[in-house]
């Protein structure tokens, strides 16, 4: 199976929907680097996020071999959804107005997702599932959509941030107690910012 860059399968976004927006590297550039290069990589990412099982993944790959056009169509839909969510959550993170067109795209997928919703018994209570569509090639999209809905309707929406390291473009939910997180990670953009500050300080001292 083709594998997505491991940098894109981390849980750095803290929410499934934000992890999904981060499947394009340098997302804030004019031309980001696409990580979901084919349907196989979408399956691989979905397995890493544990939104499909190994059995599902195998079945979906078999279906993709039988119906490659449907697999390509699903990938195109996944990227459309991802880009709309990226623009939407980026706008929220930077205190900009959300475009109605992006919300309309998300709502279109919400309508599709909720047509498959079932309430099933689980443990001593009940659970919200998409079991009815779990064999369909786009089944991995619905938990992502649900994650976006949950975040948009939660108090955590104010914690959504865009990494300050331009043009990184990583979105994340700041779960720190004092909302102090600024970077996708200190090892990546955080270190670059630190090195840049050090360079600027040395440059000033020499002048």
C-alpha atoms as a PDB file:
ATOM      1  CA  UNK A   1       0.000   0.000   0.000  1.00  0.00           C
ATOM      2  CA  UNK A   2       1.190   3.519  -0.764  1.00  0.00           C
ATOM      3  CA  UNK A   3       1.933   5.368   2.437  1.00  0.00           C
ATOM      4  CA  UNK A   4       1.339   8.971   3.351  1.00  0.00           C
ATOM      5  CA  UNK A   5       4.193  11.013   4.801  1.00  0.00           C
ATOM      6  CA  UNK A   6       4.327  10.137   8.503  1.00  0.00           C
ATOM      7  CA  UNK A   7       4.295  13.849   9.368  1.00  0.00           C
ATOM      8  CA  UNK A   8       0.686  13.890   8.180  1.00  0.00           C
ATOM      9  CA  UNK A   9      -0.496  11.003  10.348  1.00  0.00           C
ATOM     10  CA  UNK A  10       0.360  12.565  13.680  1.00  0.00           C
ATOM     11  CA  UNK A  11      -2.331  13.716  16.082  1.00  0.00           C
ATOM     12  CA  UNK A  12      -0.924  17.230  16.188  1.00  0.00           C
ATOM     13  CA  UNK A  13      -4.294  18.845  15.479  1.00  0.00           C
ATOM     14  CA  UNK A  14      -5.838  17.316  18.640  1.00  0.00           C
ATOM     15  CA  UNK A  15      -9.143  16.830  16.785  1.00  0.00           C
ATOM     16  CA  UNK A  16      -9.859  14.410  13.940  1.00  0.00           C
ATOM     17  CA  UNK A  17     -11.169  17.119  11.607  1.00  0.00           C
ATOM     18  CA  UNK A  18      -8.064  19.271  12.180  1.00  0.00           C
ATOM     19  CA  UNK A  19      -5.764  16.293  11.698  1.00  0.00           C
ATOM     20  CA  UNK A  20      -7.516  15.873   8.362  1.00  0.00           C
ATOM     21  CA  UNK A  21      -6.905  19.497   7.329  1.00  0.00           C
ATOM     22  CA  UNK A  22      -3.239  18.853   8.058  1.00  0.00           C
ATOM     23  CA  UNK A  23      -2.885  16.197   5.344  1.00  0.00           C
ATOM     24  CA  UNK A  24      -1.431  18.880   3.074  1.00  0.00           C
ATOM     25  CA  UNK A  25       2.040  20.112   4.040  1.00  0.00           C
ATOM     26  CA  UNK A  26       2.788  23.857   4.044  1.00  0.00           C
ATOM     27  CA  UNK A  27      -0.939  24.371   3.672  1.00  0.00           C
ATOM     28  CA  UNK A  28      -0.674  28.153   3.881  1.00  0.00           C
ATOM     29  CA  UNK A  29       1.532  28.305   0.794  1.00  0.00           C
ATOM     30  CA  UNK A  30       0.163  29.125  -2.626  1.00  0.00           C
ATOM     31  CA  UNK A  31       0.964  25.547  -3.666  1.00  0.00           C
ATOM     32  CA  UNK A  32       0.821  23.164  -0.668  1.00  0.00           C
ATOM     33  CA  UNK A  33       2.367  19.708  -0.828  1.00  0.00           C
ATOM     34  CA  UNK A  34      -0.393  17.133  -1.213  1.00  0.00           C
ATOM     35  CA  UNK A  35      -0.143  14.103   1.047  1.00  0.00           C
ATOM     36  CA  UNK A  36      -3.330  12.376  -0.104  1.00  0.00           C
ATOM     37  CA  UNK A  37      -1.903  11.507  -3.499  1.00  0.00           C
ATOM     38  CA  UNK A  38      -4.270   8.591  -4.169  1.00  0.00           C
ATOM     39  CA  UNK A  39      -7.072   6.575  -2.605  1.00  0.00           C
ATOM     40  CA  UNK A  40      -4.560   4.218  -0.982  1.00  0.00           C
ATOM     41  CA  UNK A  41      -3.052   7.056   1.039  1.00  0.00           C
ATOM     42  CA  UNK A  42      -6.525   8.113   2.140  1.00  0.00           C
ATOM     43  CA  UNK A  43      -7.096   4.569   3.404  1.00  0.00           C
ATOM     44  CA  UNK A  44      -3.691   4.528   5.108  1.00  0.00           C
ATOM     45  CA  UNK A  45      -4.392   7.824   6.886  1.00  0.00           C
ATOM     46  CA  UNK A  46      -7.840   6.613   7.922  1.00  0.00           C
ATOM     47  CA  UNK A  47      -6.323   3.465   9.418  1.00  0.00           C
ATOM     48  CA  UNK A  48      -3.782   5.554  11.327  1.00  0.00           C
ATOM     49  CA  UNK A  49      -6.605   7.686  12.723  1.00  0.00           C
ATOM     50  CA  UNK A  50      -8.536   4.491  13.588  1.00  0.00           C
ATOM     51  CA  UNK A  51     -11.699   5.627  11.821  1.00  0.00           C
ATOM     52  CA  UNK A  52     -11.749   2.442   9.742  1.00  0.00           C
ATOM     53  CA  UNK A  53     -10.665  -1.052  10.734  1.00  0.00           C
ATOM     54  CA  UNK A  54      -8.032  -3.202   9.066  1.00  0.00           C
ATOM     55  CA  UNK A  55     -10.829  -5.369   7.636  1.00  0.00           C
ATOM     56  CA  UNK A  56     -12.595  -2.307   6.249  1.00  0.00           C
ATOM     57  CA  UNK A  57      -9.360  -1.017   4.780  1.00  0.00           C
ATOM     58  CA  UNK A  58      -8.715  -4.292   2.981  1.00  0.00           C
ATOM     59  CA  UNK A  59     -12.267  -4.361   1.643  1.00  0.00           C
ATOM     60  CA  UNK A  60     -12.079  -0.752   0.448  1.00  0.00           C
ATOM     61  CA  UNK A  61      -8.793  -1.348  -1.376  1.00  0.00           C
ATOM     62  CA  UNK A  62     -10.335  -4.361  -3.086  1.00  0.00           C
ATOM     63  CA  UNK A  63     -13.279  -2.199  -4.099  1.00  0.00           C
ATOM     64  CA  UNK A  64     -10.894   0.447  -5.408  1.00  0.00           C
ATOM     65  CA  UNK A  65      -9.289  -2.110  -7.712  1.00  0.00           C
ATOM     66  CA  UNK A  66     -12.704  -3.056  -9.063  1.00  0.00           C
ATOM     67  CA  UNK A  67     -13.950   0.556  -9.317  1.00  0.00           C
ATOM     68  CA  UNK A  68     -10.925   2.868  -9.781  1.00  0.00           C
ATOM     69  CA  UNK A  69     -13.093   5.725 -11.059  1.00  0.00           C
ATOM     70  CA  UNK A  70     -15.193   5.597  -7.878  1.00  0.00           C
ATOM     71  CA  UNK A  71     -11.996   5.603  -5.813  1.00  0.00           C
ATOM     72  CA  UNK A  72     -10.752   8.707  -7.644  1.00  0.00           C
ATOM     73  CA  UNK A  73     -14.129  10.358  -7.142  1.00  0.00           C
ATOM     74  CA  UNK A  74     -13.996   9.630  -3.406  1.00  0.00           C
ATOM     75  CA  UNK A  75     -10.491  11.094  -3.170  1.00  0.00           C
ATOM     76  CA  UNK A  76     -11.657  14.242  -4.974  1.00  0.00           C
ATOM     77  CA  UNK A  77     -14.544  14.578  -2.523  1.00  0.00           C
ATOM     78  CA  UNK A  78     -12.195  14.065   0.418  1.00  0.00           C
ATOM     79  CA  UNK A  79      -9.920  16.848  -0.793  1.00  0.00           C
ATOM     80  CA  UNK A  80     -12.873  19.149  -1.469  1.00  0.00           C
ATOM     81  CA  UNK A  81     -14.102  18.566   2.084  1.00  0.00           C
ATOM     82  CA  UNK A  82     -10.620  19.035   3.529  1.00  0.00           C
ATOM     83  CA  UNK A  83      -9.988  22.305   1.719  1.00  0.00           C
ATOM     84  CA  UNK A  84     -13.359  23.734   2.745  1.00  0.00           C
ATOM     85  CA  UNK A  85     -12.693  22.791   6.375  1.00  0.00           C
ATOM     86  CA  UNK A  86      -9.174  24.222   6.192  1.00  0.00           C
ATOM     87  CA  UNK A  87     -10.447  27.584   4.948  1.00  0.00           C
ATOM     88  CA  UNK A  88     -13.304  27.541   7.463  1.00  0.00           C
ATOM     89  CA  UNK A  89     -11.214  26.734  10.544  1.00  0.00           C
ATOM     90  CA  UNK A  90      -8.387  28.995   9.380  1.00  0.00           C
ATOM     91  CA  UNK A  91     -10.866  31.866   9.191  1.00  0.00           C
ATOM     92  CA  UNK A  92     -12.068  31.074  12.708  1.00  0.00           C
ATOM     93  CA  UNK A  93      -8.503  30.810  14.037  1.00  0.00           C
ATOM     94  CA  UNK A  94      -7.514  34.175  12.535  1.00  0.00           C
ATOM     95  CA  UNK A  95     -10.746  35.969  13.433  1.00  0.00           C
ATOM     96  CA  UNK A  96     -11.811  36.311   9.812  1.00  0.00           C
ATOM     97  CA  UNK A  97     -15.298  35.883   8.414  1.00  0.00           C
ATOM     98  CA  UNK A  98     -16.145  32.356   7.302  1.00  0.00           C
ATOM     99  CA  UNK A  99     -17.122  32.217   3.640  1.00  0.00           C
ATOM    100  CA  UNK A 100     -20.693  30.994   3.042  1.00  0.00           C
ATOM    101  CA  UNK A 101     -19.392  28.834   0.174  1.00  0.00           C
ATOM    102  CA  UNK A 102     -17.136  26.868   2.547  1.00  0.00           C
ATOM    103  CA  UNK A 103     -19.950  26.398   5.039  1.00  0.00           C
ATOM    104  CA  UNK A 104     -22.185  25.252   2.173  1.00  0.00           C
ATOM    105  CA  UNK A 105     -19.653  22.594   1.169  1.00  0.00           C
ATOM    106  CA  UNK A 106     -19.433  21.331   4.746  1.00  0.00           C
ATOM    107  CA  UNK A 107     -23.234  21.337   5.062  1.00  0.00           C
ATOM    108  CA  UNK A 108     -23.496  19.249   1.908  1.00  0.00           C
ATOM    109  CA  UNK A 109     -21.317  16.584   3.501  1.00  0.00           C
ATOM    110  CA  UNK A 110     -23.182  16.936   6.798  1.00  0.00           C
ATOM    111  CA  UNK A 111     -26.420  16.113   4.983  1.00  0.00           C
ATOM    112  CA  UNK A 112     -24.835  13.046   3.408  1.00  0.00           C
ATOM    113  CA  UNK A 113     -23.320  11.916   6.706  1.00  0.00           C
ATOM    114  CA  UNK A 114     -26.526  12.277   8.695  1.00  0.00           C
ATOM    115  CA  UNK A 115     -28.469  10.259   6.136  1.00  0.00           C
ATOM    116  CA  UNK A 116     -26.355   7.302   7.311  1.00  0.00           C
ATOM    117  CA  UNK A 117     -26.555   7.909  11.054  1.00  0.00           C
ATOM    118  CA  UNK A 118     -27.802   5.152  13.347  1.00  0.00           C
ATOM    119  CA  UNK A 119     -28.188   5.007  17.096  1.00  0.00           C
ATOM    120  CA  UNK A 120     -27.019   1.623  18.367  1.00  0.00           C
ATOM    121  CA  UNK A 121     -26.722   0.042  21.839  1.00  0.00           C
ATOM    122  CA  UNK A 122     -23.251   0.297  23.380  1.00  0.00           C
ATOM    123  CA  UNK A 123     -22.208  -0.879  26.837  1.00  0.00           C
ATOM    124  CA  UNK A 124     -24.916   0.390  29.190  1.00  0.00           C
ATOM    125  CA  UNK A 125     -26.054   3.158  26.831  1.00  0.00           C
ATOM    126  CA  UNK A 126     -26.183   4.077  23.173  1.00  0.00           C
ATOM    127  CA  UNK A 127     -23.763   5.298  20.522  1.00  0.00           C
ATOM    128  CA  UNK A 128     -23.916   7.469  17.423  1.00  0.00           C
ATOM    129  CA  UNK A 129     -22.548   5.501  14.424  1.00  0.00           C
ATOM    130  CA  UNK A 130     -22.291   5.432  10.651  1.00  0.00           C
ATOM    131  CA  UNK A 131     -22.453   1.640  10.420  1.00  0.00           C
ATOM    132  CA  UNK A 132     -25.045   1.756   7.657  1.00  0.00           C
ATOM    133  CA  UNK A 133     -22.449   3.109   5.224  1.00  0.00           C
ATOM    134  CA  UNK A 134     -19.315   1.409   6.523  1.00  0.00           C
ATOM    135  CA  UNK A 135     -18.781  -0.637   3.342  1.00  0.00           C
ATOM    136  CA  UNK A 136     -19.011   2.388   1.040  1.00  0.00           C
ATOM    137  CA  UNK A 137     -15.801   3.811  -0.400  1.00  0.00           C
ATOM    138  CA  UNK A 138     -16.345   7.207   1.224  1.00  0.00           C
ATOM    139  CA  UNK A 139     -17.128   5.820   4.695  1.00  0.00           C
ATOM    140  CA  UNK A 140     -14.072   7.463   6.263  1.00  0.00           C
ATOM    141  CA  UNK A 141     -15.451  10.937   5.527  1.00  0.00           C
ATOM    142  CA  UNK A 142     -18.394  10.733   7.906  1.00  0.00           C
ATOM    143  CA  UNK A 143     -16.512  10.544  11.229  1.00  0.00           C
ATOM    144  CA  UNK A 144     -14.428  13.493   9.971  1.00  0.00           C
ATOM    145  CA  UNK A 145     -17.605  15.457   9.250  1.00  0.00           C
ATOM    146  CA  UNK A 146     -18.973  14.563  12.685  1.00  0.00           C
ATOM    147  CA  UNK A 147     -15.730  15.765  14.271  1.00  0.00           C
ATOM    148  CA  UNK A 148     -16.054  19.107  12.465  1.00  0.00           C
ATOM    149  CA  UNK A 149     -19.669  19.481  13.618  1.00  0.00           C
ATOM    150  CA  UNK A 150     -18.718  18.631  17.207  1.00  0.00           C
ATOM    151  CA  UNK A 151     -15.895  21.188  17.203  1.00  0.00           C
ATOM    152  CA  UNK A 152     -17.983  23.939  15.615  1.00  0.00           C
ATOM    153  CA  UNK A 153     -20.668  23.480  18.258  1.00  0.00           C
ATOM    154  CA  UNK A 154     -18.307  23.209  21.224  1.00  0.00           C
ATOM    155  CA  UNK A 155     -16.671  25.700  23.558  1.00  0.00           C
ATOM    156  CA  UNK A 156     -13.327  24.463  22.217  1.00  0.00           C
ATOM    157  CA  UNK A 157     -13.901  26.380  18.994  1.00  0.00           C
ATOM    158  CA  UNK A 158     -12.164  29.386  20.569  1.00  0.00           C
ATOM    159  CA  UNK A 159      -9.087  27.186  21.022  1.00  0.00           C
ATOM    160  CA  UNK A 160      -8.615  26.530  17.298  1.00  0.00           C
ATOM    161  CA  UNK A 161      -5.338  28.086  16.156  1.00  0.00           C
ATOM    162  CA  UNK A 162      -3.160  28.357  13.084  1.00  0.00           C
ATOM    163  CA  UNK A 163       0.559  27.687  13.574  1.00  0.00           C
ATOM    164  CA  UNK A 164       2.397  31.010  13.663  1.00  0.00           C
ATOM    165  CA  UNK A 165       5.221  29.605  11.563  1.00  0.00           C
ATOM    166  CA  UNK A 166       4.479  30.867   8.065  1.00  0.00           C
ATOM    167  CA  UNK A 167       3.611  29.291   5.728  1.00  0.00           C
ATOM    168  CA  UNK A 168       3.151  26.139   7.816  1.00  0.00           C
ATOM    169  CA  UNK A 169      -0.639  26.112   7.771  1.00  0.00           C
ATOM    170  CA  UNK A 170      -1.055  23.513  10.522  1.00  0.00           C
ATOM    171  CA  UNK A 171      -4.321  23.900  12.403  1.00  0.00           C
ATOM    172  CA  UNK A 172      -4.670  22.666  15.958  1.00  0.00           C
ATOM    173  CA  UNK A 173      -6.882  22.861  19.001  1.00  0.00           C
ATOM    174  CA  UNK A 174      -4.879  24.435  21.806  1.00  0.00           C
ATOM    175  CA  UNK A 175      -5.549  22.182  24.786  1.00  0.00           C
ATOM    176  CA  UNK A 176      -3.005  23.904  27.039  1.00  0.00           C
ATOM    177  CA  UNK A 177      -4.430  25.285  30.275  1.00  0.00           C
ATOM    178  CA  UNK A 178      -3.625  28.927  29.501  1.00  0.00           C
ATOM    179  CA  UNK A 179      -4.095  28.744  25.707  1.00  0.00           C
ATOM    180  CA  UNK A 180      -0.424  29.533  25.168  1.00  0.00           C
ATOM    181  CA  UNK A 181       0.419  27.172  22.312  1.00  0.00           C
ATOM    182  CA  UNK A 182       1.703  29.025  19.231  1.00  0.00           C
ATOM    183  CA  UNK A 183       3.336  26.399  17.043  1.00  0.00           C
ATOM    184  CA  UNK A 184       2.497  23.103  15.397  1.00  0.00           C
ATOM    185  CA  UNK A 185       5.395  21.787  17.503  1.00  0.00           C
ATOM    186  CA  UNK A 186       8.420  23.240  19.273  1.00  0.00           C
ATOM    187  CA  UNK A 187      10.626  20.760  17.393  1.00  0.00           C
ATOM    188  CA  UNK A 188       9.489  22.151  14.036  1.00  0.00           C
ATOM    189  CA  UNK A 189       8.194  25.713  13.622  1.00  0.00           C
ATOM    190  CA  UNK A 190       8.997  26.567  17.236  1.00  0.00           C
ATOM    191  CA  UNK A 191      12.683  25.810  16.696  1.00  0.00           C
ATOM    192  CA  UNK A 192      12.727  27.726  13.423  1.00  0.00           C
ATOM    193  CA  UNK A 193      11.263  30.778  15.141  1.00  0.00           C
ATOM    194  CA  UNK A 194      13.805  30.462  17.967  1.00  0.00           C
ATOM    195  CA  UNK A 195      16.667  30.216  15.480  1.00  0.00           C
ATOM    196  CA  UNK A 196      15.356  33.232  13.573  1.00  0.00           C
ATOM    197  CA  UNK A 197      15.168  35.306  16.771  1.00  0.00           C
ATOM    198  CA  UNK A 198      18.718  34.295  17.629  1.00  0.00           C
ATOM    199  CA  UNK A 199      19.911  35.248  14.140  1.00  0.00           C
ATOM    200  CA  UNK A 200      18.146  38.622  14.291  1.00  0.00           C
ATOM    201  CA  UNK A 201      19.639  39.345  17.727  1.00  0.00           C
ATOM    202  CA  UNK A 202      23.169  38.538  16.489  1.00  0.00           C
ATOM    203  CA  UNK A 203      22.636  40.678  13.405  1.00  0.00           C
ATOM    204  CA  UNK A 204      21.561  43.662  15.531  1.00  0.00           C
ATOM    205  CA  UNK A 205      24.578  43.260  17.830  1.00  0.00           C
ATOM    206  CA  UNK A 206      26.928  43.403  14.831  1.00  0.00           C
ATOM    207  CA  UNK A 207      25.469  46.666  13.530  1.00  0.00           C
END
